[in-house]
Amino acid sequence: MPRKFLKRLLPRPERVRDHRQLRWLGQLLDDPFLLHLNRRSVAGGVAVGLFTAFLPVPIQMAIAALAAIAFRVNIIIAVMLVWISNPITIPPMFYFTYTVGTWILGAPMHPVAFEPTLSWFWEKFGEIWQPLLLGSVLIGAVVSFAGYGLAHLLWRMHVVRHWHRRRLARARRRRIEKTSTRPEASARQRRDRG
């Protein structure tokens, strides 16, 4: 992951510390790892954010922030990635995790007529909470491990590509320096001969 790109995309650390809605975190935001952009911190933030996004709870951003503080990873990336579970993606995500949970538990999958009411939720919650929670934790763990590995890989690829470009630029400069000094040497040799 390019550090310069992330620095442009993410808010400055001072702005995060001074944000009025984050003041409750107090001294915890003084930990330099929480806002640092290195491979470990960014990949950890990706893992925390992806895992938390799959949790079927309403306070995902707070959980991601607290987990980022506990694991000392980039808090901004962790909280931002929670938003992959949004009102559009939640139904397919949780249907998939519920399906995985019922498959693992060996429970029959009951067709449920969805109604967006609180009474329906509390009535059906007893039937769906175990497979939903199990599937969510399992899929969240798999996705977070994959995200962690992918973030590490992309960061490493970016660094290697940057090193390779610098090496090529140095080699190009050396070639230009050698070719620019050769005509002078050959002109001197011609003068000495003549």
N, C-alpha and C. Protein backbone atom coordinates (compact mmCIF):
# COMPACT_ATOMS: atom_id res chain seq x y z
N MET A 1 0.85 -1.17 0.00
CA MET A 1 0.00 0.00 0.00
C MET A 1 0.90 1.24 0.00
N PRO A 2 0.67 2.14 -0.88
CA PRO A 2 1.50 3.33 -0.91
C PRO A 2 1.20 4.26 0.26
N ARG A 3 2.22 4.57 1.00
CA ARG A 3 2.08 5.42 2.19
C ARG A 3 1.62 6.82 1.81
N LYS A 4 2.15 7.38 0.71
CA LYS A 4 1.76 8.73 0.31
C LYS A 4 0.28 8.78 -0.05
N PHE A 5 -0.21 7.75 -0.74
CA PHE A 5 -1.63 7.70 -1.09
C PHE A 5 -2.49 7.65 0.17
N LEU A 6 -2.11 6.80 1.13
CA LEU A 6 -2.89 6.70 2.36
C LEU A 6 -2.83 7.99 3.17
N LYS A 7 -1.68 8.67 3.16
CA LYS A 7 -1.58 9.93 3.89
C LYS A 7 -2.52 10.98 3.31
N ARG A 8 -2.67 10.98 1.97
CA ARG A 8 -3.59 11.92 1.35
C ARG A 8 -5.04 11.55 1.65
N LEU A 9 -5.32 10.26 1.73
CA LEU A 9 -6.69 9.77 1.91
C LEU A 9 -7.17 9.92 3.36
N LEU A 10 -6.29 9.65 4.31
CA LEU A 10 -6.68 9.62 5.72
C LEU A 10 -6.51 11.00 6.36
N PRO A 11 -7.31 11.29 7.39
CA PRO A 11 -7.14 12.57 8.09
C PRO A 11 -5.83 12.59 8.88
N ARG A 12 -5.36 13.80 9.14
CA ARG A 12 -4.11 13.95 9.88
C ARG A 12 -4.31 13.51 11.33
N PRO A 13 -3.28 12.94 11.97
CA PRO A 13 -3.41 12.46 13.36
C PRO A 13 -3.89 13.53 14.34
N GLU A 14 -3.44 14.78 14.17
CA GLU A 14 -3.86 15.84 15.07
C GLU A 14 -5.36 16.07 14.98
N ARG A 15 -5.87 15.98 13.76
CA ARG A 15 -7.30 16.18 13.55
C ARG A 15 -8.12 15.07 14.20
N VAL A 16 -7.60 13.85 14.16
CA VAL A 16 -8.29 12.73 14.80
C VAL A 16 -8.29 12.91 16.31
N ARG A 17 -7.15 13.28 16.87
CA ARG A 17 -7.06 13.45 18.32
C ARG A 17 -7.96 14.57 18.82
N ASP A 18 -8.13 15.62 18.00
CA ASP A 18 -8.93 16.77 18.41
C ASP A 18 -10.41 16.63 18.08
N HIS A 19 -10.79 15.56 17.41
CA HIS A 19 -12.19 15.38 17.02
C HIS A 19 -13.07 15.23 18.26
N ARG A 20 -14.16 15.97 18.32
CA ARG A 20 -14.98 16.01 19.54
C ARG A 20 -15.64 14.67 19.84
N GLN A 21 -15.94 13.86 18.82
CA GLN A 21 -16.59 12.58 19.08
C GLN A 21 -15.60 11.50 19.51
N LEU A 22 -14.32 11.78 19.39
CA LEU A 22 -13.31 10.81 19.79
C LEU A 22 -12.61 11.20 21.10
N ARG A 23 -13.04 12.27 21.70
CA ARG A 23 -12.39 12.71 22.94
C ARG A 23 -12.53 11.69 24.06
N TRP A 24 -13.57 10.87 24.02
CA TRP A 24 -13.77 9.88 25.09
C TRP A 24 -12.64 8.87 25.12
N LEU A 25 -11.91 8.75 24.01
CA LEU A 25 -10.77 7.82 23.99
C LEU A 25 -9.56 8.41 24.72
N GLY A 26 -9.54 9.74 24.87
CA GLY A 26 -8.53 10.42 25.67
C GLY A 26 -7.10 10.05 25.33
N GLN A 27 -6.36 9.61 26.35
CA GLN A 27 -4.94 9.30 26.22
C GLN A 27 -4.67 8.11 25.30
N LEU A 28 -5.68 7.29 25.07
CA LEU A 28 -5.47 6.11 24.23
C LEU A 28 -5.05 6.48 22.82
N LEU A 29 -5.51 7.64 22.33
CA LEU A 29 -5.15 8.06 20.98
C LEU A 29 -3.72 8.59 20.89
N ASP A 30 -3.03 8.71 22.01
CA ASP A 30 -1.64 9.16 21.98
C ASP A 30 -0.68 8.05 21.58
N ASP A 31 -1.15 6.82 21.52
CA ASP A 31 -0.31 5.70 21.09
C ASP A 31 0.04 5.91 19.62
N PRO A 32 1.33 6.01 19.27
CA PRO A 32 1.71 6.30 17.89
C PRO A 32 1.31 5.21 16.90
N PHE A 33 1.16 3.98 17.36
CA PHE A 33 0.80 2.90 16.44
C PHE A 33 -0.62 3.04 15.90
N LEU A 34 -1.49 3.72 16.62
CA LEU A 34 -2.89 3.82 16.21
C LEU A 34 -3.08 4.67 14.96
N LEU A 35 -2.16 5.58 14.70
CA LEU A 35 -2.29 6.46 13.55
C LEU A 35 -1.09 6.36 12.61
N HIS A 36 -0.22 5.40 12.86
CA HIS A 36 1.00 5.25 12.06
C HIS A 36 0.69 4.47 10.78
N LEU A 37 1.38 4.80 9.71
CA LEU A 37 1.18 4.11 8.44
C LEU A 37 2.41 3.27 8.12
N ASN A 38 2.43 2.06 8.61
CA ASN A 38 3.44 1.10 8.21
C ASN A 38 2.72 -0.21 7.88
N ARG A 39 3.46 -1.16 7.38
CA ARG A 39 2.83 -2.40 6.90
C ARG A 39 2.09 -3.12 8.01
N ARG A 40 2.67 -3.22 9.18
CA ARG A 40 2.04 -3.95 10.27
C ARG A 40 0.76 -3.26 10.74
N SER A 41 0.83 -1.95 10.92
CA SER A 41 -0.30 -1.20 11.43
C SER A 41 -1.46 -1.17 10.44
N VAL A 42 -1.16 -0.97 9.17
CA VAL A 42 -2.21 -0.93 8.15
C VAL A 42 -2.84 -2.31 7.96
N ALA A 43 -2.01 -3.34 7.85
CA ALA A 43 -2.56 -4.70 7.68
C ALA A 43 -3.38 -5.11 8.90
N GLY A 44 -2.94 -4.74 10.09
CA GLY A 44 -3.72 -5.03 11.29
C GLY A 44 -5.03 -4.28 11.31
N GLY A 45 -5.02 -3.03 10.87
CA GLY A 45 -6.25 -2.25 10.77
C GLY A 45 -7.23 -2.86 9.78
N VAL A 46 -6.69 -3.37 8.67
CA VAL A 46 -7.54 -4.05 7.68
C VAL A 46 -8.17 -5.28 8.31
N ALA A 47 -7.39 -6.07 9.02
CA ALA A 47 -7.92 -7.30 9.64
C ALA A 47 -8.99 -6.98 10.68
N VAL A 48 -8.72 -6.01 11.53
CA VAL A 48 -9.70 -5.65 12.58
C VAL A 48 -10.98 -5.12 11.94
N GLY A 49 -10.85 -4.25 10.95
CA GLY A 49 -12.02 -3.68 10.30
C GLY A 49 -12.86 -4.71 9.58
N LEU A 50 -12.20 -5.63 8.87
CA LEU A 50 -12.95 -6.66 8.14
C LEU A 50 -13.64 -7.62 9.09
N PHE A 51 -12.96 -8.02 10.16
CA PHE A 51 -13.58 -8.93 11.12
C PHE A 51 -14.80 -8.27 11.76
N THR A 52 -14.64 -7.03 12.17
CA THR A 52 -15.73 -6.32 12.84
C THR A 52 -16.90 -6.08 11.90
N ALA A 53 -16.63 -5.89 10.62
CA ALA A 53 -17.70 -5.66 9.65
C ALA A 53 -18.64 -6.85 9.56
N PHE A 54 -18.16 -8.03 9.85
CA PHE A 54 -18.99 -9.23 9.77
C PHE A 54 -19.72 -9.55 11.07
N LEU A 55 -19.50 -8.78 12.12
CA LEU A 55 -20.21 -9.02 13.38
C LEU A 55 -21.63 -8.49 13.27
N PRO A 56 -22.62 -9.29 13.63
CA PRO A 56 -24.02 -8.83 13.52
C PRO A 56 -24.46 -8.01 14.73
N VAL A 57 -23.78 -6.93 14.97
CA VAL A 57 -24.10 -6.05 16.09
C VAL A 57 -24.20 -4.61 15.57
N PRO A 58 -24.94 -3.75 16.26
CA PRO A 58 -25.12 -2.39 15.75
C PRO A 58 -23.98 -1.42 16.07
N ILE A 59 -23.03 -1.76 16.92
CA ILE A 59 -21.98 -0.82 17.32
C ILE A 59 -20.62 -1.25 16.76
N GLN A 60 -20.60 -1.55 15.48
CA GLN A 60 -19.38 -2.06 14.85
C GLN A 60 -18.24 -1.06 14.88
N MET A 61 -18.51 0.21 14.67
CA MET A 61 -17.44 1.20 14.65
C MET A 61 -16.76 1.32 16.01
N ALA A 62 -17.54 1.30 17.07
CA ALA A 62 -16.96 1.37 18.42
C ALA A 62 -16.15 0.12 18.72
N ILE A 63 -16.65 -1.03 18.31
CA ILE A 63 -15.92 -2.29 18.52
C ILE A 63 -14.61 -2.26 17.74
N ALA A 64 -14.66 -1.77 16.49
CA ALA A 64 -13.44 -1.69 15.68
C ALA A 64 -12.43 -0.74 16.31
N ALA A 65 -12.89 0.39 16.82
CA ALA A 65 -11.98 1.35 17.46
C ALA A 65 -11.34 0.74 18.70
N LEU A 66 -12.13 0.09 19.54
CA LEU A 66 -11.58 -0.52 20.76
C LEU A 66 -10.64 -1.68 20.42
N ALA A 67 -10.98 -2.48 19.41
CA ALA A 67 -10.09 -3.58 19.00
C ALA A 67 -8.79 -3.03 18.42
N ALA A 68 -8.87 -1.95 17.65
CA ALA A 68 -7.65 -1.34 17.10
C ALA A 68 -6.76 -0.83 18.22
N ILE A 69 -7.36 -0.26 19.25
CA ILE A 69 -6.58 0.20 20.40
C ILE A 69 -5.95 -0.99 21.12
N ALA A 70 -6.72 -2.06 21.30
CA ALA A 70 -6.21 -3.24 22.00
C ALA A 70 -5.07 -3.90 21.24
N PHE A 71 -5.19 -3.98 19.91
CA PHE A 71 -4.15 -4.63 19.10
C PHE A 71 -3.09 -3.66 18.61
N ARG A 72 -3.26 -2.36 18.91
CA ARG A 72 -2.32 -1.31 18.51
C ARG A 72 -2.09 -1.30 17.01
N VAL A 73 -3.19 -1.20 16.26
CA VAL A 73 -3.14 -1.11 14.81
C VAL A 73 -3.82 0.19 14.38
N ASN A 74 -3.78 0.49 13.10
CA ASN A 74 -4.31 1.75 12.60
C ASN A 74 -5.81 1.83 12.82
N ILE A 75 -6.20 2.75 13.67
CA ILE A 75 -7.60 2.87 14.08
C ILE A 75 -8.48 3.43 12.96
N ILE A 76 -7.94 4.32 12.15
CA ILE A 76 -8.74 4.94 11.09
C ILE A 76 -9.10 3.91 10.04
N ILE A 77 -8.15 3.11 9.63
CA ILE A 77 -8.42 2.08 8.62
C ILE A 77 -9.39 1.04 9.18
N ALA A 78 -9.23 0.67 10.44
CA ALA A 78 -10.13 -0.30 11.05
C ALA A 78 -11.57 0.21 11.05
N VAL A 79 -11.76 1.46 11.44
CA VAL A 79 -13.11 2.02 11.50
C VAL A 79 -13.67 2.23 10.10
N MET A 80 -12.84 2.65 9.16
CA MET A 80 -13.32 2.85 7.78
C MET A 80 -13.78 1.55 7.14
N LEU A 81 -13.05 0.47 7.37
CA LEU A 81 -13.41 -0.79 6.73
C LEU A 81 -14.67 -1.42 7.29
N VAL A 82 -15.11 -0.97 8.44
CA VAL A 82 -16.38 -1.46 8.98
C VAL A 82 -17.52 -1.13 8.02
N TRP A 83 -17.34 -0.06 7.25
CA TRP A 83 -18.41 0.39 6.36
C TRP A 83 -18.60 -0.49 5.14
N ILE A 84 -17.85 -1.59 5.01
CA ILE A 84 -18.21 -2.52 3.94
C ILE A 84 -19.53 -3.20 4.27
N SER A 85 -19.89 -3.22 5.55
CA SER A 85 -21.23 -3.68 5.91
C SER A 85 -22.10 -2.44 6.08
N ASN A 86 -22.85 -2.16 5.06
CA ASN A 86 -23.73 -0.99 5.04
C ASN A 86 -25.14 -1.46 4.72
N PRO A 87 -26.11 -0.60 4.70
CA PRO A 87 -27.49 -1.05 4.46
C PRO A 87 -27.68 -1.83 3.16
N ILE A 88 -26.82 -1.64 2.20
CA ILE A 88 -26.95 -2.38 0.94
C ILE A 88 -26.31 -3.76 1.04
N THR A 89 -25.17 -3.85 1.71
CA THR A 89 -24.44 -5.13 1.76
C THR A 89 -24.81 -6.02 2.93
N ILE A 90 -25.44 -5.48 3.96
CA ILE A 90 -25.77 -6.29 5.14
C ILE A 90 -26.66 -7.48 4.81
N PRO A 91 -27.76 -7.33 4.07
CA PRO A 91 -28.60 -8.51 3.83
C PRO A 91 -27.86 -9.67 3.16
N PRO A 92 -27.12 -9.45 2.05
CA PRO A 92 -26.42 -10.61 1.48
C PRO A 92 -25.30 -11.15 2.38
N MET A 93 -24.60 -10.25 3.09
CA MET A 93 -23.53 -10.71 3.98
C MET A 93 -24.08 -11.61 5.08
N PHE A 94 -25.11 -11.15 5.74
CA PHE A 94 -25.63 -11.92 6.87
C PHE A 94 -26.45 -13.13 6.42
N TYR A 95 -27.03 -13.08 5.24
CA TYR A 95 -27.68 -14.29 4.73
C TYR A 95 -26.62 -15.37 4.47
N PHE A 96 -25.50 -14.94 3.89
CA PHE A 96 -24.42 -15.89 3.63
C PHE A 96 -23.85 -16.45 4.93
N THR A 97 -23.62 -15.58 5.91
CA THR A 97 -23.06 -16.07 7.18
C THR A 97 -24.06 -16.96 7.91
N TYR A 98 -25.35 -16.65 7.80
CA TYR A 98 -26.39 -17.50 8.40
C TYR A 98 -26.39 -18.87 7.72
N THR A 99 -26.26 -18.88 6.40
CA THR A 99 -26.22 -20.15 5.66
C THR A 99 -25.01 -20.98 6.07
N VAL A 100 -23.86 -20.35 6.19
CA VAL A 100 -22.66 -21.06 6.63
C VAL A 100 -22.84 -21.59 8.04
N GLY A 101 -23.42 -20.79 8.92
CA GLY A 101 -23.65 -21.22 10.30
C GLY A 101 -24.60 -22.40 10.39
N THR A 102 -25.67 -22.40 9.61
CA THR A 102 -26.60 -23.55 9.64
C THR A 102 -25.92 -24.79 9.07
N TRP A 103 -25.08 -24.61 8.06
CA TRP A 103 -24.38 -25.75 7.47
C TRP A 103 -23.41 -26.36 8.49
N ILE A 104 -22.68 -25.52 9.21
CA ILE A 104 -21.72 -26.02 10.21
C ILE A 104 -22.45 -26.70 11.37
N LEU A 105 -23.52 -26.10 11.83
CA LEU A 105 -24.27 -26.68 12.94
C LEU A 105 -25.11 -27.89 12.52
N GLY A 106 -25.28 -28.07 11.23
CA GLY A 106 -26.11 -29.16 10.74
C GLY A 106 -27.59 -28.92 11.01
N ALA A 107 -27.93 -27.68 11.23
CA ALA A 107 -29.32 -27.32 11.51
C ALA A 107 -30.07 -27.11 10.20
N PRO A 108 -31.34 -27.41 10.19
CA PRO A 108 -32.11 -27.14 8.97
C PRO A 108 -32.28 -25.63 8.78
N MET A 109 -32.24 -25.22 7.55
CA MET A 109 -32.40 -23.80 7.24
C MET A 109 -33.87 -23.55 6.96
N HIS A 110 -34.50 -22.82 7.85
CA HIS A 110 -35.92 -22.53 7.71
C HIS A 110 -36.11 -21.33 6.80
N PRO A 111 -37.02 -21.44 5.85
CA PRO A 111 -37.32 -20.24 5.06
C PRO A 111 -38.03 -19.23 5.95
N VAL A 112 -37.48 -18.04 5.99
CA VAL A 112 -38.01 -17.00 6.87
C VAL A 112 -38.51 -15.85 6.01
N ALA A 113 -39.76 -15.48 6.21
CA ALA A 113 -40.30 -14.31 5.51
C ALA A 113 -39.85 -13.08 6.28
N PHE A 114 -39.05 -12.28 5.63
CA PHE A 114 -38.47 -11.12 6.30
C PHE A 114 -39.48 -9.99 6.40
N GLU A 115 -39.53 -9.40 7.57
CA GLU A 115 -40.32 -8.19 7.81
C GLU A 115 -39.42 -7.20 8.55
N PRO A 116 -39.31 -6.01 8.04
CA PRO A 116 -38.42 -5.04 8.69
C PRO A 116 -39.05 -4.38 9.92
N THR A 117 -39.46 -5.21 10.88
CA THR A 117 -40.03 -4.67 12.12
C THR A 117 -39.27 -5.22 13.31
N LEU A 118 -39.32 -4.49 14.39
CA LEU A 118 -38.62 -4.90 15.60
C LEU A 118 -39.28 -6.13 16.23
N SER A 119 -40.59 -6.21 16.14
CA SER A 119 -41.28 -7.39 16.71
C SER A 119 -40.89 -8.66 15.95
N TRP A 120 -40.78 -8.56 14.61
CA TRP A 120 -40.36 -9.73 13.83
C TRP A 120 -38.96 -10.15 14.24
N PHE A 121 -38.06 -9.15 14.39
CA PHE A 121 -36.68 -9.44 14.75
C PHE A 121 -36.62 -10.20 16.08
N TRP A 122 -37.31 -9.70 17.11
CA TRP A 122 -37.25 -10.36 18.41
C TRP A 122 -37.90 -11.73 18.39
N GLU A 123 -38.92 -11.90 17.55
CA GLU A 123 -39.58 -13.21 17.44
C GLU A 123 -38.67 -14.24 16.78
N LYS A 124 -37.98 -13.85 15.72
CA LYS A 124 -37.13 -14.77 14.96
C LYS A 124 -35.71 -14.86 15.50
N PHE A 125 -35.33 -13.95 16.38
CA PHE A 125 -33.96 -13.91 16.87
C PHE A 125 -33.55 -15.22 17.54
N GLY A 126 -34.45 -15.84 18.27
CA GLY A 126 -34.14 -17.10 18.94
C GLY A 126 -33.79 -18.21 17.97
N GLU A 127 -34.37 -18.18 16.76
CA GLU A 127 -34.10 -19.21 15.76
C GLU A 127 -32.79 -18.97 15.01
N ILE A 128 -32.47 -17.72 14.79
CA ILE A 128 -31.35 -17.43 13.88
C ILE A 128 -30.06 -17.01 14.56
N TRP A 129 -30.05 -16.70 15.85
CA TRP A 129 -28.86 -16.08 16.42
C TRP A 129 -27.65 -17.01 16.45
N GLN A 130 -27.82 -18.29 16.76
CA GLN A 130 -26.65 -19.18 16.84
C GLN A 130 -25.99 -19.38 15.48
N PRO A 131 -26.74 -19.79 14.44
CA PRO A 131 -26.07 -19.94 13.14
C PRO A 131 -25.53 -18.63 12.60
N LEU A 132 -26.26 -17.54 12.83
CA LEU A 132 -25.80 -16.24 12.34
C LEU A 132 -24.51 -15.83 13.02
N LEU A 133 -24.44 -15.96 14.33
CA LEU A 133 -23.23 -15.57 15.06
C LEU A 133 -22.05 -16.47 14.71
N LEU A 134 -22.28 -17.77 14.66
CA LEU A 134 -21.19 -18.69 14.30
C LEU A 134 -20.68 -18.41 12.90
N GLY A 135 -21.59 -18.29 11.94
CA GLY A 135 -21.18 -18.00 10.56
C GLY A 135 -20.50 -16.66 10.43
N SER A 136 -20.99 -15.66 11.17
CA SER A 136 -20.39 -14.32 11.11
C SER A 136 -18.97 -14.32 11.65
N VAL A 137 -18.76 -14.98 12.78
CA VAL A 137 -17.42 -15.03 13.37
C VAL A 137 -16.47 -15.82 12.47
N LEU A 138 -16.94 -16.94 11.94
CA LEU A 138 -16.09 -17.76 11.08
C LEU A 138 -15.74 -17.04 9.78
N ILE A 139 -16.73 -16.51 9.10
CA ILE A 139 -16.46 -15.80 7.84
C ILE A 139 -15.66 -14.53 8.12
N GLY A 140 -15.97 -13.84 9.21
CA GLY A 140 -15.19 -12.65 9.58
C GLY A 140 -13.73 -12.98 9.80
N ALA A 141 -13.46 -14.12 10.46
CA ALA A 141 -12.07 -14.53 10.69
C ALA A 141 -11.37 -14.86 9.38
N VAL A 142 -12.05 -15.58 8.50
CA VAL A 142 -11.45 -15.94 7.21
C VAL A 142 -11.17 -14.69 6.39
N VAL A 143 -12.15 -13.80 6.31
CA VAL A 143 -11.98 -12.58 5.52
C VAL A 143 -10.90 -11.68 6.14
N SER A 144 -10.85 -11.60 7.46
CA SER A 144 -9.83 -10.75 8.08
C SER A 144 -8.43 -11.31 7.88
N PHE A 145 -8.26 -12.64 7.95
CA PHE A 145 -6.95 -13.23 7.66
C PHE A 145 -6.56 -12.98 6.21
N ALA A 146 -7.52 -13.13 5.31
CA ALA A 146 -7.24 -12.88 3.89
C ALA A 146 -6.89 -11.41 3.67
N GLY A 147 -7.63 -10.51 4.30
CA GLY A 147 -7.34 -9.08 4.17
C GLY A 147 -5.99 -8.71 4.74
N TYR A 148 -5.64 -9.31 5.88
CA TYR A 148 -4.33 -9.07 6.49
C TYR A 148 -3.22 -9.52 5.54
N GLY A 149 -3.36 -10.72 5.00
CA GLY A 149 -2.35 -11.23 4.08
C GLY A 149 -2.27 -10.41 2.80
N LEU A 150 -3.43 -10.02 2.27
CA LEU A 150 -3.44 -9.22 1.05
C LEU A 150 -2.83 -7.84 1.28
N ALA A 151 -3.13 -7.22 2.41
CA ALA A 151 -2.54 -5.91 2.72
C ALA A 151 -1.02 -6.03 2.84
N HIS A 152 -0.54 -7.09 3.51
CA HIS A 152 0.91 -7.32 3.61
C HIS A 152 1.51 -7.52 2.22
N LEU A 153 0.86 -8.34 1.41
CA LEU A 153 1.37 -8.62 0.07
C LEU A 153 1.40 -7.36 -0.79
N LEU A 154 0.31 -6.60 -0.80
CA LEU A 154 0.28 -5.38 -1.61
C LEU A 154 1.31 -4.36 -1.15
N TRP A 155 1.46 -4.24 0.16
CA TRP A 155 2.47 -3.31 0.70
C TRP A 155 3.86 -3.75 0.25
N ARG A 156 4.14 -5.04 0.39
CA ARG A 156 5.45 -5.59 0.01
C ARG A 156 5.70 -5.40 -1.49
N MET A 157 4.69 -5.68 -2.31
CA MET A 157 4.84 -5.51 -3.75
C MET A 157 5.13 -4.05 -4.10
N HIS A 158 4.47 -3.13 -3.41
CA HIS A 158 4.71 -1.71 -3.66
C HIS A 158 6.15 -1.34 -3.30
N VAL A 159 6.62 -1.83 -2.16
CA VAL A 159 7.99 -1.52 -1.73
C VAL A 159 9.01 -2.11 -2.70
N VAL A 160 8.81 -3.36 -3.11
CA VAL A 160 9.74 -4.00 -4.05
C VAL A 160 9.73 -3.26 -5.39
N ARG A 161 8.55 -2.87 -5.86
CA ARG A 161 8.47 -2.13 -7.12
C ARG A 161 9.19 -0.80 -7.00
N HIS A 162 9.04 -0.14 -5.85
CA HIS A 162 9.73 1.13 -5.62
C HIS A 162 11.25 0.93 -5.61
N TRP A 163 11.71 -0.12 -4.92
CA TRP A 163 13.14 -0.42 -4.92
C TRP A 163 13.63 -0.70 -6.34
N HIS A 164 12.87 -1.46 -7.09
CA HIS A 164 13.27 -1.82 -8.45
C HIS A 164 13.36 -0.56 -9.32
N ARG A 165 12.40 0.33 -9.20
CA ARG A 165 12.44 1.58 -9.97
C ARG A 165 13.64 2.43 -9.59
N ARG A 166 13.95 2.50 -8.29
CA ARG A 166 15.12 3.26 -7.86
C ARG A 166 16.40 2.64 -8.41
N ARG A 167 16.48 1.31 -8.39
CA ARG A 167 17.66 0.63 -8.92
C ARG A 167 17.82 0.92 -10.42
N LEU A 168 16.71 0.85 -11.17
CA LEU A 168 16.77 1.16 -12.60
C LEU A 168 17.17 2.61 -12.84
N ALA A 169 16.65 3.52 -12.03
CA ALA A 169 17.00 4.93 -12.19
C ALA A 169 18.48 5.16 -11.92
N ARG A 170 19.03 4.49 -10.88
CA ARG A 170 20.46 4.61 -10.60
C ARG A 170 21.29 4.05 -11.75
N ALA A 171 20.88 2.90 -12.28
CA ALA A 171 21.62 2.30 -13.39
C ALA A 171 21.56 3.22 -14.62
N ARG A 172 20.41 3.82 -14.86
CA ARG A 172 20.26 4.74 -15.99
C ARG A 172 21.17 5.95 -15.81
N ARG A 173 21.22 6.49 -14.59
CA ARG A 173 22.09 7.64 -14.33
C ARG A 173 23.56 7.28 -14.55
N ARG A 174 23.95 6.08 -14.10
CA ARG A 174 25.35 5.65 -14.30
C ARG A 174 25.68 5.52 -15.78
N ARG A 175 24.74 4.94 -16.55
CA ARG A 175 24.97 4.81 -17.99
C ARG A 175 25.11 6.17 -18.65
N ILE A 176 24.26 7.11 -18.25
CA ILE A 176 24.33 8.45 -18.82
C ILE A 176 25.65 9.11 -18.45
N GLU A 177 26.09 8.94 -17.21
CA GLU A 177 27.37 9.51 -16.79
C GLU A 177 28.52 8.89 -17.57
N LYS A 178 28.48 7.58 -17.79
CA LYS A 178 29.55 6.91 -18.54
C LYS A 178 29.57 7.36 -19.99
N THR A 179 28.40 7.46 -20.61
CA THR A 179 28.37 7.87 -22.02
C THR A 179 28.73 9.33 -22.18
N SER A 180 28.43 10.15 -21.20
CA SER A 180 28.79 11.57 -21.31
C SER A 180 30.29 11.77 -21.10
N THR A 181 30.97 10.89 -20.38
CA THR A 181 32.41 11.04 -20.18
C THR A 181 33.20 10.36 -21.28
N ARG A 182 32.65 9.43 -21.99
CA ARG A 182 33.38 8.72 -23.06
C ARG A 182 33.79 9.63 -24.21
N PRO A 183 32.93 10.47 -24.75
CA PRO A 183 33.38 11.31 -25.87
C PRO A 183 34.55 12.21 -25.49
N GLU A 184 34.56 12.69 -24.25
CA GLU A 184 35.68 13.53 -23.83
C GLU A 184 36.97 12.72 -23.82
N ALA A 185 36.89 11.49 -23.34
CA ALA A 185 38.09 10.65 -23.29
C ALA A 185 38.58 10.35 -24.70
N SER A 186 37.67 10.05 -25.61
CA SER A 186 38.11 9.73 -26.96
C SER A 186 38.66 10.98 -27.66
N ALA A 187 38.13 12.15 -27.38
CA ALA A 187 38.66 13.38 -27.96
C ALA A 187 40.07 13.64 -27.44
N ARG A 188 40.28 13.38 -26.14
CA ARG A 188 41.62 13.53 -25.57
C ARG A 188 42.59 12.57 -26.23
N GLN A 189 42.14 11.33 -26.42
CA GLN A 189 43.01 10.33 -27.03
C GLN A 189 43.38 10.75 -28.45
N ARG A 190 42.42 11.32 -29.19
CA ARG A 190 42.71 11.77 -30.55
C ARG A 190 43.72 12.92 -30.54
N ARG A 191 43.59 13.82 -29.59
CA ARG A 191 44.52 14.95 -29.49
C ARG A 191 45.92 14.46 -29.15
N ASP A 192 46.00 13.46 -28.25
CA ASP A 192 47.31 12.93 -27.85
C ASP A 192 47.98 12.22 -29.02
N ARG A 193 47.20 11.56 -29.85
CA ARG A 193 47.76 10.83 -30.99
C ARG A 193 48.22 11.80 -32.08
N GLY A 194 47.50 12.88 -32.24
CA GLY A 194 47.75 13.75 -33.37
C GLY A 194 48.80 14.73 -33.13
